[in-house]
C-alpha cells in the first residue's frame, strides 16, 4: 500500500487546482513517482496532467493515453466514496508500468455489470480490459487499486 499522507513529500509542488505532493525515487534502474492529492474535485484533472507529464519525462508516451484514462477512472472512484487524500504511484517495470491509486477506505471496489442506460459502473470493467492485469489490496490505512500496462521496449 502506498502512503496517502502529505508527509511522503520530498520536492513538493503546488497546482492551481490541488496541492500535489511528489516524490521521485529510483529503484534499481527504474523510476518511481508518487503523489498525494486532496479529495477535491480538481484532483482528477491534476492527477491526469501529472501522470501524463511524468510518463512523457520517462519516454513512455506510448502508454500515456490509456494510463491517464485509467487513473482518471480510479481517482474519480476514490473521490466518489472517500473523503481523505488520494495517492497515485507510478513505477516503471521491465517491459511494463505499474500504476497504483490509494485512498483511506478499506473496502475494495466492486466490479459490476452496467446496463446500457446506466450512468456509471464501467470504470473497473475498463481497467480490467485495458490493462494486462489489475487488482486491489487492503493496507493499514485504506486500500490500493493497481493495474499494469505493457510497455513496448
C-alpha atoms as a PDB file:
ATOM      1  CA  UNK A   1       0.000   0.000   0.000  1.00  0.00           C
ATOM      2  CA  UNK A   2       1.375   3.378  -0.860  1.00  0.00           C
ATOM      3  CA  UNK A   3       1.093   6.182   1.595  1.00  0.00           C
ATOM      4  CA  UNK A   4      -1.526   8.797   1.040  1.00  0.00           C
ATOM      5  CA  UNK A   5      -0.246  11.267   3.595  1.00  0.00           C
ATOM      6  CA  UNK A   6       1.440  14.527   2.719  1.00  0.00           C
ATOM      7  CA  UNK A   7       4.441  13.528   4.807  1.00  0.00           C
ATOM      8  CA  UNK A   8       5.719  11.416   1.910  1.00  0.00           C
ATOM      9  CA  UNK A   9       6.519  14.579   0.017  1.00  0.00           C
ATOM     10  CA  UNK A  10      10.005  15.462  -0.993  1.00  0.00           C
ATOM     11  CA  UNK A  11      10.092  18.151  -3.642  1.00  0.00           C
ATOM     12  CA  UNK A  12       6.527  19.350  -3.194  1.00  0.00           C
ATOM     13  CA  UNK A  13       4.935  21.446  -5.891  1.00  0.00           C
ATOM     14  CA  UNK A  14       1.666  23.333  -5.939  1.00  0.00           C
ATOM     15  CA  UNK A  15      -1.023  23.128  -8.599  1.00  0.00           C
ATOM     16  CA  UNK A  16      -3.667  25.732  -9.347  1.00  0.00           C
ATOM     17  CA  UNK A  17      -6.380  23.181  -8.549  1.00  0.00           C
ATOM     18  CA  UNK A  18      -4.981  20.987  -5.794  1.00  0.00           C
ATOM     19  CA  UNK A  19      -1.968  20.604  -3.578  1.00  0.00           C
ATOM     20  CA  UNK A  20       0.200  17.939  -5.174  1.00  0.00           C
ATOM     21  CA  UNK A  21       2.971  16.207  -3.322  1.00  0.00           C
ATOM     22  CA  UNK A  22       5.550  14.400  -5.437  1.00  0.00           C
ATOM     23  CA  UNK A  23       8.438  12.156  -4.587  1.00  0.00           C
ATOM     24  CA  UNK A  24      10.690  10.726  -7.270  1.00  0.00           C
ATOM     25  CA  UNK A  25      12.970   7.840  -6.486  1.00  0.00           C
ATOM     26  CA  UNK A  26      14.867   5.288  -8.458  1.00  0.00           C
ATOM     27  CA  UNK A  27      14.536   1.609  -7.571  1.00  0.00           C
ATOM     28  CA  UNK A  28      17.381  -0.183  -9.279  1.00  0.00           C
ATOM     29  CA  UNK A  29      17.241   1.156 -12.826  1.00  0.00           C
ATOM     30  CA  UNK A  30      13.539   2.008 -12.848  1.00  0.00           C
ATOM     31  CA  UNK A  31      11.975   5.299 -11.719  1.00  0.00           C
ATOM     32  CA  UNK A  32       9.116   5.657  -9.259  1.00  0.00           C
ATOM     33  CA  UNK A  33       6.934   8.720  -8.722  1.00  0.00           C
ATOM     34  CA  UNK A  34       4.160   9.174  -6.180  1.00  0.00           C
ATOM     35  CA  UNK A  35       1.793  11.934  -5.223  1.00  0.00           C
ATOM     36  CA  UNK A  36      -0.901  12.706  -2.713  1.00  0.00           C
ATOM     37  CA  UNK A  37      -3.960  14.655  -3.872  1.00  0.00           C
ATOM     38  CA  UNK A  38      -6.611  16.129  -1.584  1.00  0.00           C
ATOM     39  CA  UNK A  39     -10.083  14.663  -2.080  1.00  0.00           C
ATOM     40  CA  UNK A  40     -11.335  17.675  -4.032  1.00  0.00           C
ATOM     41  CA  UNK A  41     -12.963  17.920  -7.482  1.00  0.00           C
ATOM     42  CA  UNK A  42      -9.811  19.269  -9.158  1.00  0.00           C
ATOM     43  CA  UNK A  43      -7.850  16.175  -8.136  1.00  0.00           C
ATOM     44  CA  UNK A  44      -8.904  14.194 -11.207  1.00  0.00           C
ATOM     45  CA  UNK A  45      -7.717  16.865 -13.631  1.00  0.00           C
ATOM     46  CA  UNK A  46      -4.490  17.385 -11.712  1.00  0.00           C
ATOM     47  CA  UNK A  47      -3.792  13.638 -11.494  1.00  0.00           C
ATOM     48  CA  UNK A  48      -4.300  13.250 -15.251  1.00  0.00           C
ATOM     49  CA  UNK A  49      -1.927  16.107 -16.056  1.00  0.00           C
ATOM     50  CA  UNK A  50       0.669  14.930 -13.556  1.00  0.00           C
ATOM     51  CA  UNK A  51       0.652  11.338 -14.835  1.00  0.00           C
ATOM     52  CA  UNK A  52       0.857  12.485 -18.476  1.00  0.00           C
ATOM     53  CA  UNK A  53       3.805  14.805 -17.753  1.00  0.00           C
ATOM     54  CA  UNK A  54       5.669  12.140 -15.787  1.00  0.00           C
ATOM     55  CA  UNK A  55       5.195   9.495 -18.468  1.00  0.00           C
ATOM     56  CA  UNK A  56       6.455  11.953 -21.093  1.00  0.00           C
ATOM     57  CA  UNK A  57       9.511  12.637 -18.906  1.00  0.00           C
ATOM     58  CA  UNK A  58      10.125   8.878 -18.736  1.00  0.00           C
ATOM     59  CA  UNK A  59       9.723   8.431 -22.507  1.00  0.00           C
ATOM     60  CA  UNK A  60       6.540   6.387 -22.056  1.00  0.00           C
ATOM     61  CA  UNK A  61       4.217   8.408 -24.294  1.00  0.00           C
ATOM     62  CA  UNK A  62       3.053   5.124 -25.879  1.00  0.00           C
ATOM     63  CA  UNK A  63       1.033   4.254 -22.754  1.00  0.00           C
ATOM     64  CA  UNK A  64       0.177   7.773 -21.610  1.00  0.00           C
ATOM     65  CA  UNK A  65      -3.357   7.945 -23.032  1.00  0.00           C
ATOM     66  CA  UNK A  66      -4.517   4.654 -21.525  1.00  0.00           C
ATOM     67  CA  UNK A  67      -2.703   5.282 -18.217  1.00  0.00           C
ATOM     68  CA  UNK A  68      -4.304   8.721 -17.912  1.00  0.00           C
ATOM     69  CA  UNK A  69      -7.756   7.310 -18.723  1.00  0.00           C
ATOM     70  CA  UNK A  70      -7.480   4.547 -16.123  1.00  0.00           C
ATOM     71  CA  UNK A  71      -6.023   6.858 -13.451  1.00  0.00           C
ATOM     72  CA  UNK A  72      -8.912   9.224 -14.118  1.00  0.00           C
ATOM     73  CA  UNK A  73     -11.418   6.396 -13.550  1.00  0.00           C
ATOM     74  CA  UNK A  74      -9.780   5.246 -10.304  1.00  0.00           C
ATOM     75  CA  UNK A  75      -9.273   8.731  -8.861  1.00  0.00           C
ATOM     76  CA  UNK A  76     -12.909   9.530  -9.699  1.00  0.00           C
ATOM     77  CA  UNK A  77     -13.982   6.379  -7.824  1.00  0.00           C
ATOM     78  CA  UNK A  78     -11.904   7.448  -4.830  1.00  0.00           C
ATOM     79  CA  UNK A  79     -13.418  10.935  -4.888  1.00  0.00           C
ATOM     80  CA  UNK A  80     -16.915   9.458  -5.042  1.00  0.00           C
ATOM     81  CA  UNK A  81     -16.502   7.309  -1.938  1.00  0.00           C
ATOM     82  CA  UNK A  82     -13.545   8.591   0.123  1.00  0.00           C
ATOM     83  CA  UNK A  83     -13.075  11.849   1.964  1.00  0.00           C
ATOM     84  CA  UNK A  84      -9.343  11.611   2.620  1.00  0.00           C
ATOM     85  CA  UNK A  85      -6.289  12.083   0.443  1.00  0.00           C
ATOM     86  CA  UNK A  86      -5.802  10.048  -2.721  1.00  0.00           C
ATOM     87  CA  UNK A  87      -2.403   8.571  -3.500  1.00  0.00           C
ATOM     88  CA  UNK A  88      -1.175   7.923  -7.027  1.00  0.00           C
ATOM     89  CA  UNK A  89       2.026   5.989  -7.649  1.00  0.00           C
ATOM     90  CA  UNK A  90       3.804   5.099 -10.899  1.00  0.00           C
ATOM     91  CA  UNK A  91       6.601   2.575 -11.142  1.00  0.00           C
ATOM     92  CA  UNK A  92       8.313   1.710 -14.365  1.00  0.00           C
ATOM     93  CA  UNK A  93       8.961  -2.021 -14.590  1.00  0.00           C
ATOM     94  CA  UNK A  94      10.981  -4.022 -17.075  1.00  0.00           C
ATOM     95  CA  UNK A  95       8.547  -4.086 -20.003  1.00  0.00           C
ATOM     96  CA  UNK A  96       5.702  -2.522 -18.053  1.00  0.00           C
ATOM     97  CA  UNK A  97       4.252   0.224 -15.941  1.00  0.00           C
ATOM     98  CA  UNK A  98       2.658  -0.322 -12.532  1.00  0.00           C
ATOM     99  CA  UNK A  99       0.062   2.264 -11.517  1.00  0.00           C
ATOM    100  CA  UNK A 100      -1.493   2.389  -8.039  1.00  0.00           C
ATOM    101  CA  UNK A 101      -4.308   4.561  -6.707  1.00  0.00           C
ATOM    102  CA  UNK A 102      -4.867   4.532  -2.935  1.00  0.00           C
ATOM    103  CA  UNK A 103      -7.471   6.015  -0.653  1.00  0.00           C
ATOM    104  CA  UNK A 104      -8.360   5.694   3.049  1.00  0.00           C
ATOM    105  CA  UNK A 105     -11.422   3.454   2.565  1.00  0.00           C
ATOM    106  CA  UNK A 106     -10.709  -0.199   3.417  1.00  0.00           C
ATOM    107  CA  UNK A 107     -13.413  -1.720   1.211  1.00  0.00           C
ATOM    108  CA  UNK A 108     -12.212  -2.995  -2.154  1.00  0.00           C
ATOM    109  CA  UNK A 109     -14.054  -1.761  -5.219  1.00  0.00           C
ATOM    110  CA  UNK A 110     -16.678  -3.999  -6.755  1.00  0.00           C
ATOM    111  CA  UNK A 111     -16.698  -4.714 -10.451  1.00  0.00           C
ATOM    112  CA  UNK A 112     -20.272  -4.774 -11.684  1.00  0.00           C
ATOM    113  CA  UNK A 113     -22.082  -5.236 -14.963  1.00  0.00           C
ATOM    114  CA  UNK A 114     -23.517  -1.930 -16.090  1.00  0.00           C
ATOM    115  CA  UNK A 115     -26.743  -1.840 -18.059  1.00  0.00           C
ATOM    116  CA  UNK A 116     -26.696   0.106 -21.349  1.00  0.00           C
ATOM    117  CA  UNK A 117     -28.523   3.079 -19.791  1.00  0.00           C
ATOM    118  CA  UNK A 118     -26.528   3.191 -16.527  1.00  0.00           C
ATOM    119  CA  UNK A 119     -24.587   6.394 -15.896  1.00  0.00           C
ATOM    120  CA  UNK A 120     -21.746   4.591 -14.115  1.00  0.00           C
ATOM    121  CA  UNK A 121     -20.376   1.184 -13.325  1.00  0.00           C
ATOM    122  CA  UNK A 122     -17.928   0.807 -16.194  1.00  0.00           C
ATOM    123  CA  UNK A 123     -14.702   2.081 -14.612  1.00  0.00           C
ATOM    124  CA  UNK A 124     -13.404  -1.219 -13.261  1.00  0.00           C
ATOM    125  CA  UNK A 125     -14.505  -3.023 -16.424  1.00  0.00           C
ATOM    126  CA  UNK A 126     -12.396  -0.551 -18.368  1.00  0.00           C
ATOM    127  CA  UNK A 127      -9.426  -1.115 -16.049  1.00  0.00           C
ATOM    128  CA  UNK A 128      -9.791  -4.902 -16.350  1.00  0.00           C
ATOM    129  CA  UNK A 129      -9.985  -4.872 -20.146  1.00  0.00           C
ATOM    130  CA  UNK A 130      -7.342  -2.245 -20.866  1.00  0.00           C
ATOM    131  CA  UNK A 131      -4.605  -3.474 -18.518  1.00  0.00           C
ATOM    132  CA  UNK A 132      -2.552  -6.656 -18.675  1.00  0.00           C
ATOM    133  CA  UNK A 133      -3.571  -7.322 -15.063  1.00  0.00           C
ATOM    134  CA  UNK A 134      -5.111  -5.463 -12.146  1.00  0.00           C
ATOM    135  CA  UNK A 135      -6.208  -5.946  -8.569  1.00  0.00           C
ATOM    136  CA  UNK A 136      -6.866  -4.376  -5.197  1.00  0.00           C
ATOM    137  CA  UNK A 137      -5.356  -4.870  -1.774  1.00  0.00           C
ATOM    138  CA  UNK A 138      -6.064  -3.629   1.721  1.00  0.00           C
ATOM    139  CA  UNK A 139      -3.443  -1.769   3.660  1.00  0.00           C
ATOM    140  CA  UNK A 140      -3.091  -0.457   7.194  1.00  0.00           C
ATOM    141  CA  UNK A 141      -4.900   2.766   6.356  1.00  0.00           C
ATOM    142  CA  UNK A 142      -7.101   2.008   3.359  1.00  0.00           C
ATOM    143  CA  UNK A 143      -6.849   0.235   0.039  1.00  0.00           C
ATOM    144  CA  UNK A 144      -4.883   0.354  -3.179  1.00  0.00           C
ATOM    145  CA  UNK A 145      -6.246  -0.441  -6.613  1.00  0.00           C
ATOM    146  CA  UNK A 146      -3.485  -1.180  -9.093  1.00  0.00           C
ATOM    147  CA  UNK A 147      -3.019  -2.075 -12.722  1.00  0.00           C
ATOM    148  CA  UNK A 148      -0.151  -2.919 -15.042  1.00  0.00           C
ATOM    149  CA  UNK A 149       0.288  -1.806 -18.628  1.00  0.00           C
ATOM    150  CA  UNK A 150       2.643  -3.351 -21.149  1.00  0.00           C
ATOM    151  CA  UNK A 151       5.315  -1.015 -22.459  1.00  0.00           C
ATOM    152  CA  UNK A 152       6.885  -1.686 -25.835  1.00  0.00           C
ATOM    153  CA  UNK A 153      10.611  -1.677 -25.465  1.00  0.00           C
END
